[in-house]
N, C-alpha and C. Protein backbone atom coordinates (compact mmCIF):
# COMPACT_ATOMS: atom_id res chain seq x y z
N UNK A 1 14.31 11.95 1.71
CA UNK A 1 15.20 10.91 2.21
C UNK A 1 14.35 9.78 2.75
N UNK A 2 14.48 8.64 2.15
CA UNK A 2 13.74 7.48 2.64
C UNK A 2 14.45 6.19 2.26
N UNK A 3 14.25 5.20 3.07
CA UNK A 3 14.73 3.87 2.71
C UNK A 3 13.54 2.93 2.55
N UNK A 4 12.33 3.44 2.73
CA UNK A 4 11.11 2.64 2.63
C UNK A 4 10.29 3.08 1.41
N UNK A 5 10.07 2.18 0.48
CA UNK A 5 9.28 2.51 -0.70
C UNK A 5 7.82 2.79 -0.35
N UNK A 6 7.36 2.29 0.78
CA UNK A 6 5.98 2.53 1.21
C UNK A 6 5.70 4.02 1.38
N UNK A 7 6.72 4.81 1.66
CA UNK A 7 6.53 6.25 1.84
C UNK A 7 6.25 6.97 0.53
N UNK A 8 6.27 6.25 -0.58
CA UNK A 8 6.04 6.86 -1.88
C UNK A 8 4.74 6.41 -2.53
N UNK A 9 3.91 5.68 -1.80
CA UNK A 9 2.66 5.18 -2.36
C UNK A 9 1.62 6.29 -2.49
N UNK A 10 0.88 6.24 -3.57
CA UNK A 10 -0.22 7.17 -3.81
C UNK A 10 -1.35 6.87 -2.84
N UNK A 11 -2.08 7.91 -2.45
CA UNK A 11 -3.25 7.72 -1.63
C UNK A 11 -2.99 7.70 -0.14
N UNK A 12 -1.75 7.80 0.27
CA UNK A 12 -1.42 7.82 1.69
C UNK A 12 -1.21 9.28 2.10
N UNK A 13 -1.30 9.57 3.36
CA UNK A 13 -1.11 10.93 3.85
C UNK A 13 0.35 11.18 4.18
N UNK A 14 1.17 11.29 3.14
CA UNK A 14 2.59 11.54 3.32
C UNK A 14 2.87 13.02 3.13
N UNK A 15 4.07 13.42 3.44
CA UNK A 15 4.46 14.82 3.32
C UNK A 15 4.34 15.32 1.88
N UNK A 16 4.68 14.47 0.92
CA UNK A 16 4.67 14.86 -0.49
C UNK A 16 3.98 13.77 -1.31
N UNK A 17 3.00 14.14 -2.15
CA UNK A 17 2.38 13.12 -3.00
C UNK A 17 3.38 12.65 -4.07
N UNK A 18 3.25 11.42 -4.55
CA UNK A 18 4.20 10.90 -5.53
C UNK A 18 4.38 11.78 -6.77
N UNK A 19 3.33 12.44 -7.21
CA UNK A 19 3.43 13.29 -8.40
C UNK A 19 4.29 14.54 -8.16
N UNK A 20 4.54 14.90 -6.92
CA UNK A 20 5.35 16.08 -6.59
C UNK A 20 6.75 15.99 -7.18
N UNK A 21 7.38 14.83 -7.08
CA UNK A 21 8.79 14.69 -7.48
C UNK A 21 8.99 14.94 -8.97
N UNK A 22 8.12 14.38 -9.79
CA UNK A 22 8.23 14.59 -11.24
C UNK A 22 8.00 16.05 -11.60
N UNK A 23 6.96 16.65 -11.03
CA UNK A 23 6.66 18.06 -11.33
C UNK A 23 7.79 18.97 -10.87
N UNK A 24 8.31 18.75 -9.67
CA UNK A 24 9.40 19.58 -9.15
C UNK A 24 10.67 19.39 -9.96
N UNK A 25 10.94 18.17 -10.37
CA UNK A 25 12.13 17.89 -11.17
C UNK A 25 12.05 18.58 -12.53
N UNK A 26 10.88 18.50 -13.16
CA UNK A 26 10.68 19.15 -14.47
C UNK A 26 10.76 20.67 -14.36
N UNK A 27 10.22 21.22 -13.29
CA UNK A 27 10.17 22.67 -13.13
C UNK A 27 11.52 23.27 -12.75
N UNK A 28 12.36 22.51 -12.07
CA UNK A 28 13.60 23.07 -11.52
C UNK A 28 14.88 22.45 -12.07
N UNK A 29 14.78 21.24 -12.62
CA UNK A 29 15.97 20.53 -13.06
C UNK A 29 16.66 19.78 -11.93
N UNK A 30 16.09 19.82 -10.74
CA UNK A 30 16.65 19.12 -9.59
C UNK A 30 16.47 17.62 -9.77
N UNK A 31 17.48 16.85 -9.38
CA UNK A 31 17.37 15.39 -9.41
C UNK A 31 17.15 14.90 -7.99
N UNK A 32 16.05 14.21 -7.79
CA UNK A 32 15.75 13.61 -6.50
C UNK A 32 16.27 12.18 -6.49
N UNK A 33 16.93 11.79 -5.42
CA UNK A 33 17.45 10.43 -5.30
C UNK A 33 17.00 9.83 -3.97
N UNK A 34 16.98 8.51 -3.93
CA UNK A 34 16.66 7.81 -2.70
C UNK A 34 17.37 6.47 -2.70
N UNK A 35 17.37 5.85 -1.57
CA UNK A 35 17.95 4.52 -1.42
C UNK A 35 16.92 3.61 -0.79
N UNK A 36 15.92 3.19 -1.56
CA UNK A 36 14.80 2.43 -1.01
C UNK A 36 14.81 0.98 -1.48
N UNK A 37 14.31 0.12 -0.61
CA UNK A 37 14.11 -1.27 -0.98
C UNK A 37 12.61 -1.53 -1.03
N UNK A 38 12.24 -2.65 -1.61
CA UNK A 38 10.84 -3.03 -1.74
C UNK A 38 10.33 -3.54 -0.39
N UNK A 39 9.53 -2.71 0.27
CA UNK A 39 8.97 -3.14 1.55
C UNK A 39 7.45 -3.18 1.50
N UNK A 40 6.90 -3.20 0.28
CA UNK A 40 5.45 -3.25 0.12
C UNK A 40 5.02 -4.50 -0.66
N UNK A 41 5.81 -5.55 -0.57
CA UNK A 41 5.41 -6.83 -1.13
C UNK A 41 5.49 -6.96 -2.63
N UNK A 42 6.63 -6.65 -3.21
CA UNK A 42 6.81 -6.87 -4.63
C UNK A 42 6.23 -5.79 -5.52
N UNK A 43 5.92 -4.65 -4.95
CA UNK A 43 5.32 -3.58 -5.74
C UNK A 43 6.18 -2.33 -5.71
N UNK A 44 7.48 -2.47 -5.83
CA UNK A 44 8.37 -1.31 -5.80
C UNK A 44 8.02 -0.42 -6.99
N UNK A 45 7.39 0.70 -6.71
CA UNK A 45 6.91 1.60 -7.74
C UNK A 45 7.46 2.99 -7.45
N UNK A 46 8.60 3.30 -8.02
CA UNK A 46 9.24 4.59 -7.77
C UNK A 46 8.62 5.63 -8.70
N UNK A 47 8.09 6.73 -8.15
CA UNK A 47 7.49 7.76 -8.99
C UNK A 47 8.51 8.37 -9.97
N UNK A 48 8.00 8.88 -11.08
CA UNK A 48 8.83 9.59 -12.04
C UNK A 48 9.50 10.76 -11.31
N UNK A 49 10.72 11.09 -11.70
CA UNK A 49 11.43 12.20 -11.09
C UNK A 49 12.34 11.77 -9.95
N UNK A 50 12.33 10.48 -9.61
CA UNK A 50 13.18 9.95 -8.55
C UNK A 50 14.14 8.90 -9.11
N UNK A 51 15.36 8.93 -8.64
CA UNK A 51 16.33 7.90 -8.99
C UNK A 51 16.60 7.09 -7.74
N UNK A 52 16.40 5.77 -7.84
CA UNK A 52 16.58 4.89 -6.68
C UNK A 52 17.92 4.18 -6.77
N UNK A 53 18.76 4.37 -5.77
CA UNK A 53 20.04 3.67 -5.68
C UNK A 53 19.89 2.33 -4.98
N UNK A 54 18.72 2.03 -4.46
CA UNK A 54 18.54 0.80 -3.69
C UNK A 54 19.19 0.94 -2.33
N UNK A 55 19.20 -0.13 -1.59
CA UNK A 55 19.82 -0.09 -0.26
C UNK A 55 21.32 0.09 -0.42
N UNK A 56 21.88 1.01 0.34
CA UNK A 56 23.30 1.33 0.27
C UNK A 56 23.99 0.93 1.57
N UNK A 57 25.27 0.66 1.47
CA UNK A 57 26.04 0.45 2.69
C UNK A 57 26.12 1.78 3.44
N UNK A 58 26.50 1.75 4.69
CA UNK A 58 26.60 2.98 5.46
C UNK A 58 27.58 3.95 4.81
N UNK A 59 28.71 3.45 4.33
CA UNK A 59 29.71 4.29 3.70
C UNK A 59 29.17 4.92 2.42
N UNK A 60 28.53 4.12 1.57
CA UNK A 60 27.98 4.64 0.32
C UNK A 60 26.87 5.64 0.59
N UNK A 61 26.03 5.36 1.60
CA UNK A 61 24.95 6.28 1.96
C UNK A 61 25.52 7.62 2.43
N UNK A 62 26.50 7.58 3.30
CA UNK A 62 27.12 8.80 3.81
C UNK A 62 27.76 9.60 2.68
N UNK A 63 28.41 8.90 1.76
CA UNK A 63 29.02 9.56 0.60
C UNK A 63 27.96 10.25 -0.25
N UNK A 64 26.87 9.55 -0.55
CA UNK A 64 25.80 10.13 -1.36
C UNK A 64 25.16 11.32 -0.64
N UNK A 65 24.95 11.17 0.64
CA UNK A 65 24.35 12.24 1.44
C UNK A 65 25.25 13.48 1.46
N UNK A 66 26.56 13.28 1.51
CA UNK A 66 27.49 14.41 1.56
C UNK A 66 27.50 15.22 0.27
N UNK A 67 27.03 14.63 -0.83
CA UNK A 67 26.98 15.34 -2.10
C UNK A 67 25.64 16.00 -2.34
N UNK A 68 24.72 15.88 -1.41
CA UNK A 68 23.39 16.49 -1.55
C UNK A 68 23.44 17.97 -1.23
N UNK A 69 22.62 18.71 -1.94
CA UNK A 69 22.50 20.14 -1.68
C UNK A 69 21.37 20.38 -0.67
N UNK A 70 20.29 19.63 -0.82
CA UNK A 70 19.13 19.77 0.05
C UNK A 70 18.66 18.36 0.43
N UNK A 71 18.23 18.21 1.65
CA UNK A 71 17.70 16.93 2.11
C UNK A 71 16.21 17.11 2.34
N UNK A 72 15.39 16.31 1.64
CA UNK A 72 13.94 16.39 1.75
C UNK A 72 13.45 15.14 2.45
N UNK A 73 12.80 15.31 3.58
CA UNK A 73 12.25 14.18 4.31
C UNK A 73 10.91 13.78 3.72
N UNK A 74 10.61 12.49 3.74
CA UNK A 74 9.32 12.00 3.26
C UNK A 74 8.64 11.26 4.39
N UNK A 75 7.48 10.74 4.12
CA UNK A 75 6.71 10.08 5.17
C UNK A 75 5.75 11.07 5.78
N UNK A 76 5.48 10.91 7.03
CA UNK A 76 4.58 11.83 7.73
C UNK A 76 5.34 12.35 8.94
N UNK A 77 6.15 13.38 8.71
CA UNK A 77 6.98 13.89 9.81
C UNK A 77 6.15 14.44 10.97
N UNK A 78 6.68 14.26 12.13
CA UNK A 78 6.04 14.82 13.33
C UNK A 78 6.14 16.33 13.26
N UNK A 79 5.03 17.02 13.47
CA UNK A 79 5.05 18.48 13.42
C UNK A 79 5.20 19.11 14.80
N UNK A 80 4.96 18.33 15.83
CA UNK A 80 5.19 18.82 17.19
C UNK A 80 5.35 17.64 18.13
N UNK A 81 5.90 17.92 19.28
CA UNK A 81 6.06 16.89 20.30
C UNK A 81 5.36 17.41 21.55
N UNK A 82 4.45 16.61 22.09
CA UNK A 82 3.74 17.01 23.28
C UNK A 82 4.65 16.85 24.48
N UNK A 83 4.62 17.82 25.34
CA UNK A 83 5.41 17.75 26.57
C UNK A 83 4.73 16.83 27.56
N UNK A 84 5.52 16.08 28.29
CA UNK A 84 4.96 15.20 29.32
C UNK A 84 4.81 15.94 30.64
N UNK A 85 5.19 17.21 30.66
CA UNK A 85 5.11 18.00 31.91
C UNK A 85 3.89 18.85 31.94
């Protein structure tokens, strides 16, 4: 799940490398979708195995999300939160 195309760039330390989506889609038949806009300066490069709906309204996004079987987060998710105590 992402709205930022920057989270799909090769060479960055993201949760999933761009080649993951194509390989997983081919191996399982799963269709990965996202709603991303170009936020990397005219280089919107969606990896194979992903279908981009572009930016969606809140209603359209909620509708698409409600039809998902699994939600996969991208980017570099926080693995822990340090306590301030």
